[in-house]
Amino acid sequence: MDDLTKALIRELLGTIKKNSFVDGYKATDSEAMGLLVSHFFEWDGVAILETSAEALQDANFHTEAGQLFDMVKKYDEVIA
């Protein structure tokens, strides 16, 4: 990821922290990113799980990513 993209994401997370949490609370980047992801996918748990799995895969947490992909597959089978 290039520096400009990282800077834009940090700015976005800063805005989320400022506007989405109670005054005085110091939200973490993880909390702000979680809020962003859940709102972006309109609280679609399967999409959130799949996104989390993709992030873990990218970070070389293949076993953990596989567990989440299995959960996604299970939910997809239930929905189908």
PDB file of N, CA and C in Angstrom:
ATOM      1  N   MET A   1       0.855  -1.171   0.000  1.00  0.00           N
ATOM      2  CA  MET A   1       0.000   0.000   0.000  1.00  0.00           C
ATOM      3  C   MET A   1       0.902   1.236   0.000  1.00  0.00           C
ATOM      4  N   ASP A   2       0.601   2.187  -0.827  1.00  0.00           N
ATOM      5  CA  ASP A   2       1.453   3.375  -0.924  1.00  0.00           C
ATOM      6  C   ASP A   2       1.162   4.356   0.218  1.00  0.00           C
ATOM      7  N   ASP A   3       2.072   5.298   0.380  1.00  0.00           N
ATOM      8  CA  ASP A   3       1.983   6.255   1.494  1.00  0.00           C
ATOM      9  C   ASP A   3       0.740   7.133   1.416  1.00  0.00           C
ATOM     10  N   LEU A   4       0.335   7.527   0.213  1.00  0.00           N
ATOM     11  CA  LEU A   4      -0.855   8.369   0.069  1.00  0.00           C
ATOM     12  C   LEU A   4      -2.099   7.621   0.538  1.00  0.00           C
ATOM     13  N   THR A   5      -2.215   6.369   0.130  1.00  0.00           N
ATOM     14  CA  THR A   5      -3.371   5.569   0.548  1.00  0.00           C
ATOM     15  C   THR A   5      -3.396   5.414   2.060  1.00  0.00           C
ATOM     16  N   LYS A   6      -2.251   5.126   2.660  1.00  0.00           N
ATOM     17  CA  LYS A   6      -2.179   5.006   4.122  1.00  0.00           C
ATOM     18  C   LYS A   6      -2.583   6.308   4.800  1.00  0.00           C
ATOM     19  N   ALA A   7      -2.117   7.431   4.271  1.00  0.00           N
ATOM     20  CA  ALA A   7      -2.452   8.728   4.851  1.00  0.00           C
ATOM     21  C   ALA A   7      -3.955   8.996   4.755  1.00  0.00           C
ATOM     22  N   LEU A   8      -4.555   8.659   3.632  1.00  0.00           N
ATOM     23  CA  LEU A   8      -6.000   8.857   3.464  1.00  0.00           C
ATOM     24  C   LEU A   8      -6.788   7.985   4.435  1.00  0.00           C
ATOM     25  N   ILE A   9      -6.354   6.749   4.618  1.00  0.00           N
ATOM     26  CA  ILE A   9      -7.039   5.850   5.548  1.00  0.00           C
ATOM     27  C   ILE A   9      -6.890   6.363   6.974  1.00  0.00           C
ATOM     28  N   ARG A  10      -5.687   6.831   7.347  1.00  0.00           N
ATOM     29  CA  ARG A  10      -5.486   7.378   8.696  1.00  0.00           C
ATOM     30  C   ARG A  10      -6.396   8.590   8.924  1.00  0.00           C
ATOM     31  N   GLU A  11      -6.526   9.436   7.900  1.00  0.00           N
ATOM     32  CA  GLU A  11      -7.410  10.604   8.014  1.00  0.00           C
ATOM     33  C   GLU A  11      -8.860  10.160   8.180  1.00  0.00           C
ATOM     34  N   LEU A  12      -9.272   9.170   7.408  1.00  0.00           N
ATOM     35  CA  LEU A  12     -10.633   8.640   7.513  1.00  0.00           C
ATOM     36  C   LEU A  12     -10.879   8.052   8.899  1.00  0.00           C
ATOM     37  N   LEU A  13      -9.925   7.277   9.415  1.00  0.00           N
ATOM     38  CA  LEU A  13     -10.080   6.699  10.751  1.00  0.00           C
ATOM     39  C   LEU A  13     -10.148   7.792  11.811  1.00  0.00           C
ATOM     40  N   GLY A  14      -9.375   8.843  11.628  1.00  0.00           N
ATOM     41  CA  GLY A  14      -9.431   9.970  12.555  1.00  0.00           C
ATOM     42  C   GLY A  14     -10.806  10.619  12.567  1.00  0.00           C
ATOM     43  N   THR A  15     -11.396  10.765  11.402  1.00  0.00           N
ATOM     44  CA  THR A  15     -12.741  11.342  11.292  1.00  0.00           C
ATOM     45  C   THR A  15     -13.767  10.445  11.973  1.00  0.00           C
ATOM     46  N   ILE A  16     -13.640   9.133  11.746  1.00  0.00           N
ATOM     47  CA  ILE A  16     -14.563   8.189  12.387  1.00  0.00           C
ATOM     48  C   ILE A  16     -14.424   8.262  13.898  1.00  0.00           C
ATOM     49  N   LYS A  17     -13.189   8.301  14.394  1.00  0.00           N
ATOM     50  CA  LYS A  17     -12.967   8.385  15.844  1.00  0.00           C
ATOM     51  C   LYS A  17     -13.600   9.648  16.423  1.00  0.00           C
ATOM     52  N   LYS A  18     -13.460  10.739  15.707  1.00  0.00           N
ATOM     53  CA  LYS A  18     -13.979  12.026  16.189  1.00  0.00           C
ATOM     54  C   LYS A  18     -15.504  12.059  16.181  1.00  0.00           C
ATOM     55  N   ASN A  19     -16.119  11.500  15.135  1.00  0.00           N
ATOM     56  CA  ASN A  19     -17.556  11.655  14.932  1.00  0.00           C
ATOM     57  C   ASN A  19     -18.408  10.486  15.414  1.00  0.00           C
ATOM     58  N   SER A  20     -17.804   9.360  15.728  1.00  0.00           N
ATOM     59  CA  SER A  20     -18.605   8.165  15.992  1.00  0.00           C
ATOM     60  C   SER A  20     -18.514   7.634  17.418  1.00  0.00           C
ATOM     61  N   PHE A  21     -17.682   8.209  18.222  1.00  0.00           N
ATOM     62  CA  PHE A  21     -17.514   7.745  19.598  1.00  0.00           C
ATOM     63  C   PHE A  21     -17.804   8.903  20.547  1.00  0.00           C
ATOM     64  N   VAL A  22     -18.123   8.576  21.790  1.00  0.00           N
ATOM     65  CA  VAL A  22     -18.447   9.627  22.753  1.00  0.00           C
ATOM     66  C   VAL A  22     -17.222  10.494  23.035  1.00  0.00           C
ATOM     67  N   ASP A  23     -17.474  11.752  23.337  1.00  0.00           N
ATOM     68  CA  ASP A  23     -16.389  12.690  23.644  1.00  0.00           C
ATOM     69  C   ASP A  23     -15.535  12.155  24.786  1.00  0.00           C
ATOM     70  N   GLY A  24     -14.249  12.265  24.609  1.00  0.00           N
ATOM     71  CA  GLY A  24     -13.316  11.836  25.630  1.00  0.00           C
ATOM     72  C   GLY A  24     -12.847  10.405  25.485  1.00  0.00           C
ATOM     73  N   TYR A  25     -13.555   9.590  24.694  1.00  0.00           N
ATOM     74  CA  TYR A  25     -13.152   8.206  24.493  1.00  0.00           C
ATOM     75  C   TYR A  25     -12.065   8.156  23.428  1.00  0.00           C
ATOM     76  N   LYS A  26     -10.991   7.463  23.713  1.00  0.00           N
ATOM     77  CA  LYS A  26      -9.881   7.331  22.764  1.00  0.00           C
ATOM     78  C   LYS A  26     -10.013   6.005  22.018  1.00  0.00           C
ATOM     79  N   ALA A  27     -10.763   6.011  20.941  1.00  0.00           N
ATOM     80  CA  ALA A  27     -10.964   4.800  20.147  1.00  0.00           C
ATOM     81  C   ALA A  27      -9.654   4.391  19.473  1.00  0.00           C
ATOM     82  N   THR A  28      -9.480   3.102  19.342  1.00  0.00           N
ATOM     83  CA  THR A  28      -8.306   2.581  18.651  1.00  0.00           C
ATOM     84  C   THR A  28      -8.553   2.567  17.148  1.00  0.00           C
ATOM     85  N   ASP A  29      -7.476   2.412  16.395  1.00  0.00           N
ATOM     86  CA  ASP A  29      -7.619   2.259  14.945  1.00  0.00           C
ATOM     87  C   ASP A  29      -8.467   1.029  14.627  1.00  0.00           C
ATOM     88  N   SER A  30      -8.290  -0.044  15.401  1.00  0.00           N
ATOM     89  CA  SER A  30      -9.057  -1.273  15.170  1.00  0.00           C
ATOM     90  C   SER A  30     -10.549  -1.043  15.370  1.00  0.00           C
ATOM     91  N   GLU A  31     -10.901  -0.293  16.408  1.00  0.00           N
ATOM     92  CA  GLU A  31     -12.316   0.005  16.641  1.00  0.00           C
ATOM     93  C   GLU A  31     -12.895   0.842  15.502  1.00  0.00           C
ATOM     94  N   ALA A  32     -12.150   1.834  15.077  1.00  0.00           N
ATOM     95  CA  ALA A  32     -12.624   2.696  13.990  1.00  0.00           C
ATOM     96  C   ALA A  32     -12.723   1.916  12.679  1.00  0.00           C
ATOM     97  N   MET A  33     -11.747   1.058  12.412  1.00  0.00           N
ATOM     98  CA  MET A  33     -11.788   0.251  11.186  1.00  0.00           C
ATOM     99  C   MET A  33     -12.951  -0.728  11.237  1.00  0.00           C
ATOM    100  N   GLY A  34     -13.192  -1.307  12.426  1.00  0.00           N
ATOM    101  CA  GLY A  34     -14.327  -2.215  12.578  1.00  0.00           C
ATOM    102  C   GLY A  34     -15.640  -1.517  12.290  1.00  0.00           C
ATOM    103  N   LEU A  35     -15.777  -0.299  12.792  1.00  0.00           N
ATOM    104  CA  LEU A  35     -16.977   0.485  12.536  1.00  0.00           C
ATOM    105  C   LEU A  35     -17.117   0.778  11.049  1.00  0.00           C
ATOM    106  N   LEU A  36     -16.019   1.155  10.417  1.00  0.00           N
ATOM    107  CA  LEU A  36     -16.031   1.428   8.977  1.00  0.00           C
ATOM    108  C   LEU A  36     -16.473   0.203   8.187  1.00  0.00           C
ATOM    109  N   VAL A  37     -15.881  -0.933   8.502  1.00  0.00           N
ATOM    110  CA  VAL A  37     -16.195  -2.167   7.760  1.00  0.00           C
ATOM    111  C   VAL A  37     -17.658  -2.559   7.971  1.00  0.00           C
ATOM    112  N   SER A  38     -18.127  -2.511   9.218  1.00  0.00           N
ATOM    113  CA  SER A  38     -19.507  -2.933   9.466  1.00  0.00           C
ATOM    114  C   SER A  38     -20.508  -2.009   8.772  1.00  0.00           C
ATOM    115  N   HIS A  39     -20.238  -0.709   8.787  1.00  0.00           N
ATOM    116  CA  HIS A  39     -21.141   0.220   8.106  1.00  0.00           C
ATOM    117  C   HIS A  39     -21.034   0.068   6.591  1.00  0.00           C
ATOM    118  N   PHE A  40     -19.809  -0.091   6.079  1.00  0.00           N
ATOM    119  CA  PHE A  40     -19.619  -0.229   4.630  1.00  0.00           C
ATOM    120  C   PHE A  40     -20.401  -1.419   4.084  1.00  0.00           C
ATOM    121  N   PHE A  41     -20.352  -2.540   4.830  1.00  0.00           N
ATOM    122  CA  PHE A  41     -21.056  -3.745   4.384  1.00  0.00           C
ATOM    123  C   PHE A  41     -22.476  -3.833   4.940  1.00  0.00           C
ATOM    124  N   GLU A  42     -22.959  -2.723   5.511  1.00  0.00           N
ATOM    125  CA  GLU A  42     -24.321  -2.615   6.019  1.00  0.00           C
ATOM    126  C   GLU A  42     -24.663  -3.774   6.947  1.00  0.00           C
ATOM    127  N   TRP A  43     -23.747  -4.055   7.878  1.00  0.00           N
ATOM    128  CA  TRP A  43     -23.918  -5.046   8.928  1.00  0.00           C
ATOM    129  C   TRP A  43     -24.152  -6.455   8.395  1.00  0.00           C
ATOM    130  N   ASP A  44     -23.638  -6.724   7.197  1.00  0.00           N
ATOM    131  CA  ASP A  44     -23.700  -8.064   6.594  1.00  0.00           C
ATOM    132  C   ASP A  44     -22.561  -8.894   7.185  1.00  0.00           C
ATOM    133  N   GLY A  45     -22.890  -9.728   8.158  1.00  0.00           N
ATOM    134  CA  GLY A  45     -21.880 -10.496   8.876  1.00  0.00           C
ATOM    135  C   GLY A  45     -21.029 -11.372   7.993  1.00  0.00           C
ATOM    136  N   VAL A  46     -21.613 -11.949   6.958  1.00  0.00           N
ATOM    137  CA  VAL A  46     -20.845 -12.817   6.062  1.00  0.00           C
ATOM    138  C   VAL A  46     -19.803 -12.003   5.304  1.00  0.00           C
ATOM    139  N   ALA A  47     -20.178 -10.844   4.811  1.00  0.00           N
ATOM    140  CA  ALA A  47     -19.220  -9.983   4.111  1.00  0.00           C
ATOM    141  C   ALA A  47     -18.118  -9.519   5.061  1.00  0.00           C
ATOM    142  N   ILE A  48     -18.483  -9.236   6.308  1.00  0.00           N
ATOM    143  CA  ILE A  48     -17.496  -8.818   7.300  1.00  0.00           C
ATOM    144  C   ILE A  48     -16.537  -9.966   7.607  1.00  0.00           C
ATOM    145  N   LEU A  49     -17.077 -11.185   7.765  1.00  0.00           N
ATOM    146  CA  LEU A  49     -16.223 -12.364   7.986  1.00  0.00           C
ATOM    147  C   LEU A  49     -15.261 -12.567   6.819  1.00  0.00           C
ATOM    148  N   GLU A  50     -15.787 -12.463   5.605  1.00  0.00           N
ATOM    149  CA  GLU A  50     -14.951 -12.675   4.420  1.00  0.00           C
ATOM    150  C   GLU A  50     -13.853 -11.617   4.329  1.00  0.00           C
ATOM    151  N   THR A  51     -14.182 -10.385   4.646  1.00  0.00           N
ATOM    152  CA  THR A  51     -13.187  -9.313   4.645  1.00  0.00           C
ATOM    153  C   THR A  51     -12.115  -9.568   5.694  1.00  0.00           C
ATOM    154  N   SER A  52     -12.538 -10.005   6.867  1.00  0.00           N
ATOM    155  CA  SER A  52     -11.584 -10.335   7.927  1.00  0.00           C
ATOM    156  C   SER A  52     -10.668 -11.475   7.494  1.00  0.00           C
ATOM    157  N   ALA A  53     -11.246 -12.483   6.852  1.00  0.00           N
ATOM    158  CA  ALA A  53     -10.448 -13.609   6.359  1.00  0.00           C
ATOM    159  C   ALA A  53      -9.430 -13.156   5.328  1.00  0.00           C
ATOM    160  N   GLU A  54      -9.848 -12.283   4.441  1.00  0.00           N
ATOM    161  CA  GLU A  54      -8.923 -11.771   3.413  1.00  0.00           C
ATOM    162  C   GLU A  54      -7.770 -11.002   4.056  1.00  0.00           C
ATOM    163  N   ALA A  55      -8.086 -10.216   5.097  1.00  0.00           N
ATOM    164  CA  ALA A  55      -7.037  -9.464   5.791  1.00  0.00           C
ATOM    165  C   ALA A  55      -6.061 -10.408   6.479  1.00  0.00           C
ATOM    166  N   LEU A  56      -6.582 -11.447   7.136  1.00  0.00           N
ATOM    167  CA  LEU A  56      -5.709 -12.426   7.781  1.00  0.00           C
ATOM    168  C   LEU A  56      -4.858 -13.167   6.755  1.00  0.00           C
ATOM    169  N   GLN A  57      -5.452 -13.506   5.636  1.00  0.00           N
ATOM    170  CA  GLN A  57      -4.705 -14.183   4.563  1.00  0.00           C
ATOM    171  C   GLN A  57      -3.541 -13.306   4.098  1.00  0.00           C
ATOM    172  N   ASP A  58      -3.806 -12.032   3.908  1.00  0.00           N
ATOM    173  CA  ASP A  58      -2.772 -11.098   3.463  1.00  0.00           C
ATOM    174  C   ASP A  58      -1.646 -10.981   4.487  1.00  0.00           C
ATOM    175  N   ALA A  59      -1.991 -11.142   5.771  1.00  0.00           N
ATOM    176  CA  ALA A  59      -1.009 -11.035   6.849  1.00  0.00           C
ATOM    177  C   ALA A  59      -0.346 -12.383   7.159  1.00  0.00           C
ATOM    178  N   ASN A  60      -0.583 -13.371   6.299  1.00  0.00           N
ATOM    179  CA  ASN A  60       0.000 -14.711   6.436  1.00  0.00           C
ATOM    180  C   ASN A  60      -0.476 -15.464   7.666  1.00  0.00           C
ATOM    181  N   PHE A  61      -1.690 -15.177   8.120  1.00  0.00           N
ATOM    182  CA  PHE A  61      -2.346 -15.962   9.162  1.00  0.00           C
ATOM    183  C   PHE A  61      -3.287 -16.939   8.452  1.00  0.00           C
ATOM    184  N   HIS A  62      -2.680 -17.868   7.725  1.00  0.00           N
ATOM    185  CA  HIS A  62      -3.444 -18.740   6.832  1.00  0.00           C
ATOM    186  C   HIS A  62      -4.402 -19.672   7.575  1.00  0.00           C
ATOM    187  N   THR A  63      -3.978 -20.211   8.704  1.00  0.00           N
ATOM    188  CA  THR A  63      -4.845 -21.105   9.472  1.00  0.00           C
ATOM    189  C   THR A  63      -6.088 -20.370   9.953  1.00  0.00           C
ATOM    190  N   GLU A  64      -5.874 -19.196  10.518  1.00  0.00           N
ATOM    191  CA  GLU A  64      -6.994 -18.403  11.025  1.00  0.00           C
ATOM    192  C   GLU A  64      -7.904 -17.951   9.892  1.00  0.00           C
ATOM    193  N   ALA A  65      -7.294 -17.550   8.783  1.00  0.00           N
ATOM    194  CA  ALA A  65      -8.084 -17.147   7.612  1.00  0.00           C
ATOM    195  C   ALA A  65      -8.925 -18.322   7.128  1.00  0.00           C
ATOM    196  N   GLY A  66      -8.339 -19.491   7.106  1.00  0.00           N
ATOM    197  CA  GLY A  66      -9.070 -20.685   6.683  1.00  0.00           C
ATOM    198  C   GLY A  66     -10.280 -20.955   7.557  1.00  0.00           C
ATOM    199  N   GLN A  67     -10.140 -20.729   8.862  1.00  0.00           N
ATOM    200  CA  GLN A  67     -11.274 -20.920   9.770  1.00  0.00           C
ATOM    201  C   GLN A  67     -12.400 -19.951   9.439  1.00  0.00           C
ATOM    202  N   LEU A  68     -12.043 -18.721   9.148  1.00  0.00           N
ATOM    203  CA  LEU A  68     -13.082 -17.743   8.791  1.00  0.00           C
ATOM    204  C   LEU A  68     -13.692 -18.068   7.435  1.00  0.00           C
ATOM    205  N   PHE A  69     -12.862 -18.493   6.472  1.00  0.00           N
ATOM    206  CA  PHE A  69     -13.411 -18.889   5.165  1.00  0.00           C
ATOM    207  C   PHE A  69     -14.373 -20.068   5.321  1.00  0.00           C
ATOM    208  N   ASP A  70     -14.059 -20.994   6.232  1.00  0.00           N
ATOM    209  CA  ASP A  70     -14.976 -22.106   6.504  1.00  0.00           C
ATOM    210  C   ASP A  70     -16.303 -21.599   7.048  1.00  0.00           C
ATOM    211  N   MET A  71     -16.248 -20.592   7.920  1.00  0.00           N
ATOM    212  CA  MET A  71     -17.480 -20.009   8.447  1.00  0.00           C
ATOM    213  C   MET A  71     -18.287 -19.351   7.332  1.00  0.00           C
ATOM    214  N   VAL A  72     -17.594 -18.642   6.445  1.00  0.00           N
ATOM    215  CA  VAL A  72     -18.274 -18.000   5.310  1.00  0.00           C
ATOM    216  C   VAL A  72     -18.965 -19.057   4.463  1.00  0.00           C
ATOM    217  N   LYS A  73     -18.260 -20.143   4.187  1.00  0.00           N
ATOM    218  CA  LYS A  73     -18.824 -21.227   3.365  1.00  0.00           C
ATOM    219  C   LYS A  73     -20.063 -21.812   4.046  1.00  0.00           C
ATOM    220  N   LYS A  74     -19.983 -22.015   5.374  1.00  0.00           N
ATOM    221  CA  LYS A  74     -21.117 -22.570   6.111  1.00  0.00           C
ATOM    222  C   LYS A  74     -22.333 -21.650   6.004  1.00  0.00           C
ATOM    223  N   TYR A  75     -22.119 -20.348   6.182  1.00  0.00           N
ATOM    224  CA  TYR A  75     -23.238 -19.410   6.081  1.00  0.00           C
ATOM    225  C   TYR A  75     -23.783 -19.345   4.657  1.00  0.00           C
ATOM    226  N   ASP A  76     -22.896 -19.408   3.669  1.00  0.00           N
ATOM    227  CA  ASP A  76     -23.354 -19.401   2.276  1.00  0.00           C
ATOM    228  C   ASP A  76     -24.218 -20.614   1.984  1.00  0.00           C
ATOM    229  N   GLU A  77     -23.866 -21.771   2.553  1.00  0.00           N
ATOM    230  CA  GLU A  77     -24.663 -22.991   2.342  1.00  0.00           C
ATOM    231  C   GLU A  77     -26.018 -22.872   3.013  1.00  0.00           C
ATOM    232  N   VAL A  78     -26.080 -22.254   4.169  1.00  0.00           N
ATOM    233  CA  VAL A  78     -27.346 -22.073   4.894  1.00  0.00           C
ATOM    234  C   VAL A  78     -28.253 -21.135   4.135  1.00  0.00           C
ATOM    235  N   ILE A  79     -27.660 -20.070   3.586  1.00  0.00           N
ATOM    236  CA  ILE A  79     -28.455 -19.060   2.872  1.00  0.00           C
ATOM    237  C   ILE A  79     -28.968 -19.594   1.539  1.00  0.00           C
ATOM    238  N   ALA A  80     -28.179 -20.443   0.863  1.00  0.00           N
ATOM    239  CA  ALA A  80     -28.537 -20.943  -0.484  1.00  0.00           C
ATOM    240  C   ALA A  80     -29.697 -21.875  -0.492  1.00  0.00           C
TER     241      ALA A  80
END
